[in-house]
Protein backbone atom coordinates (compact mmCIF):
# COMPACT_ATOMS: atom_id res chain seq x y z
CA MET A 1 0.00 0.00 0.00
CA ASN A 2 1.36 3.43 -0.81
CA ASP A 3 1.47 6.02 1.96
CA ARG A 4 -0.61 8.94 0.69
CA GLY A 5 -1.02 10.66 4.02
CA TRP A 6 -4.10 10.87 6.19
CA VAL A 7 -7.38 12.74 6.55
CA LYS A 8 -9.34 13.61 9.65
CA CYS A 9 -12.61 11.77 10.06
CA HIS A 10 -15.13 13.03 12.61
CA ARG A 11 -17.08 10.41 14.59
CA GLN A 12 -20.21 12.46 14.11
CA GLN A 13 -20.43 11.25 10.48
CA PHE A 14 -21.93 7.99 11.73
CA ASP A 15 -24.87 9.89 13.23
CA HIS A 16 -25.66 11.60 9.92
CA TRP A 17 -28.33 10.50 7.45
CA VAL A 18 -25.67 9.51 4.86
CA SER A 19 -24.69 6.67 7.20
CA THR A 20 -28.14 5.10 7.27
CA ASP A 21 -27.76 3.11 4.06
CA LYS A 22 -27.48 -0.56 4.91
CA PRO A 23 -25.66 -2.79 4.54
CA TYR A 24 -22.34 -1.05 5.12
CA CYS A 25 -19.51 -1.93 2.75
CA ARG A 26 -16.39 -3.45 4.33
CA GLY A 27 -14.48 -0.16 4.02
CA TYR A 28 -17.16 1.79 5.87
CA ALA A 29 -17.38 -0.94 8.52
CA TRP A 30 -13.59 -0.68 9.02
CA THR A 31 -13.88 3.12 9.32
CA HIS A 32 -16.65 2.64 11.88
CA LEU A 33 -14.38 0.39 13.94
CA TYR A 34 -11.44 2.76 14.28
CA ALA A 35 -13.69 5.80 14.63
CA ASN A 36 -15.30 4.20 17.69
CA ALA A 37 -12.03 3.41 19.41
CA ASN A 38 -11.32 5.42 22.57
CA HIS A 39 -9.05 8.41 22.02
CA LYS A 40 -7.78 8.07 25.61
CA ASP A 41 -7.74 5.42 28.33
CA ASN A 42 -11.09 5.19 30.04
CA LYS A 43 -13.08 3.19 32.54
CA ILE A 44 -16.60 2.14 31.78
CA CYS A 45 -19.26 0.48 33.86
CA PHE A 46 -20.42 -2.67 32.09
CA GLU A 47 -23.07 -4.81 33.79
CA GLY A 48 -22.08 -3.51 37.22
CA ARG A 49 -18.35 -4.05 36.73
CA VAL A 50 -15.67 -1.47 36.00
CA VAL A 51 -13.85 -2.29 32.77
CA VAL A 52 -10.66 -0.47 31.72
CA VAL A 53 -10.67 0.36 28.01
CA LYS A 54 -7.39 1.69 26.65
CA ARG A 55 -6.72 4.20 23.90
CA GLY A 56 -7.36 2.51 20.54
CA GLU A 57 -9.84 0.00 22.00
CA PHE A 58 -13.58 -0.20 22.50
CA ILE A 59 -16.19 -2.55 23.86
CA THR A 60 -19.02 -3.71 21.62
CA SER A 61 -20.79 -6.91 20.64
CA ILE A 62 -21.15 -8.90 17.47
CA ALA A 63 -24.92 -8.38 17.68
CA LYS A 64 -24.54 -4.60 18.02
CA LEU A 65 -22.16 -4.36 15.04
CA ALA A 66 -24.50 -6.56 12.99
CA GLU A 67 -27.37 -4.19 13.74
CA ILE A 68 -25.35 -1.05 12.97
CA TRP A 69 -23.80 -2.37 9.78
CA GLY A 70 -26.89 -4.25 8.51
CA TRP A 71 -25.00 -7.56 8.40
CA SER A 72 -25.59 -11.01 9.85
CA ARG A 73 -23.74 -11.91 13.05
CA HIS A 74 -21.84 -14.57 11.10
CA LYS A 75 -20.66 -12.03 8.52
CA VAL A 76 -19.51 -9.65 11.27
CA GLY A 77 -17.57 -12.43 13.01
CA ASP A 78 -15.92 -13.49 9.74
CA PHE A 79 -15.00 -9.87 8.93
CA LEU A 80 -13.45 -9.30 12.37
CA ASP A 81 -11.51 -12.58 12.03
CA LYS A 82 -10.15 -11.47 8.63
CA LEU A 83 -9.10 -8.10 10.02
CA GLU A 84 -7.34 -9.89 12.84
CA MET A 85 -5.54 -12.23 10.43
CA GLU A 86 -4.38 -9.18 8.46
CA GLY A 87 -2.96 -7.64 11.66
CA MET A 88 -5.38 -4.71 11.60
CA ILE A 89 -7.21 -5.48 14.85
CA GLY A 90 -7.03 -7.65 17.89
CA GLN A 91 -10.19 -8.97 19.48
CA LYS A 92 -11.06 -10.51 22.77
CA ARG A 93 -14.48 -12.09 22.87
CA THR A 94 -16.38 -12.99 25.99
CA SER A 95 -19.92 -14.22 26.37
CA LYS A 96 -20.98 -10.63 27.19
CA TYR A 97 -18.95 -8.41 24.84
CA THR A 98 -16.17 -8.13 22.28
CA ARG A 99 -13.14 -5.92 22.92
CA ILE A 100 -11.80 -4.52 19.64
CA ILE A 101 -8.18 -3.32 19.64
CA ILE A 102 -7.08 -1.22 16.65
CA VAL A 103 -3.49 -2.43 16.09
CA ASN A 104 -1.95 0.73 14.60
CA TYR A 105 -4.19 3.26 16.34
CA GLU A 106 -1.23 5.34 17.60
CA LYS A 107 0.30 5.49 14.12
CA TYR A 108 -2.87 6.83 12.51
CA GLN A 109 -4.37 8.86 15.36
CA ASN A 110 -1.27 10.34 16.98
CA ASN A 111 -1.88 13.90 18.12
CA ASP A 112 1.64 14.87 17.07
CA THR A 113 0.90 14.75 13.32
CA GLY A 114 3.84 17.01 12.48
CA LYS A 115 6.42 14.65 13.94
CA GLY A 116 9.33 14.20 11.63
CA ILE A 117 8.58 17.26 9.49
CA VAL A 118 11.57 19.56 9.18
CA ARG A 119 10.89 23.29 9.49
CA THR A 120 12.44 25.67 7.03
CA SER A 121 14.19 28.83 8.22
CA ARG A 122 11.00 30.77 7.48
CA GLY A 123 8.73 28.21 9.10
CA HIS A 124 6.03 26.26 7.33
CA ARG A 125 4.39 27.68 4.27
CA ARG A 126 0.67 28.15 4.54
CA ASP A 127 -1.25 25.08 3.40
CA THR A 128 -2.79 25.84 0.03
CA ASN A 129 -4.98 22.75 -0.17
CA LYS A 130 -8.24 23.80 -1.81
CA ASN A 131 -10.11 21.17 0.24
CA ASP A 132 -9.73 23.43 3.27
CA LYS A 133 -12.42 26.06 2.76
CA ASN A 134 -12.77 28.57 5.56
CA ASP A 135 -15.62 30.44 3.91
CA ASN A 136 -18.94 29.92 5.75
CA LYS A 137 -20.78 29.07 2.55
CA TYR A 138 -18.75 25.84 2.48
CA ARG A 139 -19.70 24.69 5.98
CA ASP A 140 -20.08 20.96 6.38
CA PRO A 141 -23.66 20.27 7.54
CA MET A 142 -22.46 17.05 9.22
CA LEU A 143 -20.10 18.93 11.50
CA ASP A 144 -21.90 22.32 11.73
CA PRO A 145 -25.66 21.62 11.84
């Protein structure tokens, strides 16, 4: 795979009407997985017990993912197993939940995105990417309702 950089993806996109088409494709299901991973270590209360969920992980169930994605439970389980075989996720299944661990979460979601970039003597040039519109008429309705 060629390294073409990264884009920010807001979790709110999954609450938008464009995400209601079912079934999800595998790419959108993968995006859903890493978008739902915790951005910092956290403790949650699950069935009366405190469960520690680390950065890059989240707790879900096969049934819940099947409902969200519009897939069968069997298809979800097979997909998660394939992602695990490819080294993209780790998973720990119990009778109550599935813990999903995004293997390279730090690599793709590191807050220090400028690491390794060398500054010039005049500093960074202003980004001229035309995808970054600051004009209000180009507001994204998914992020700015």
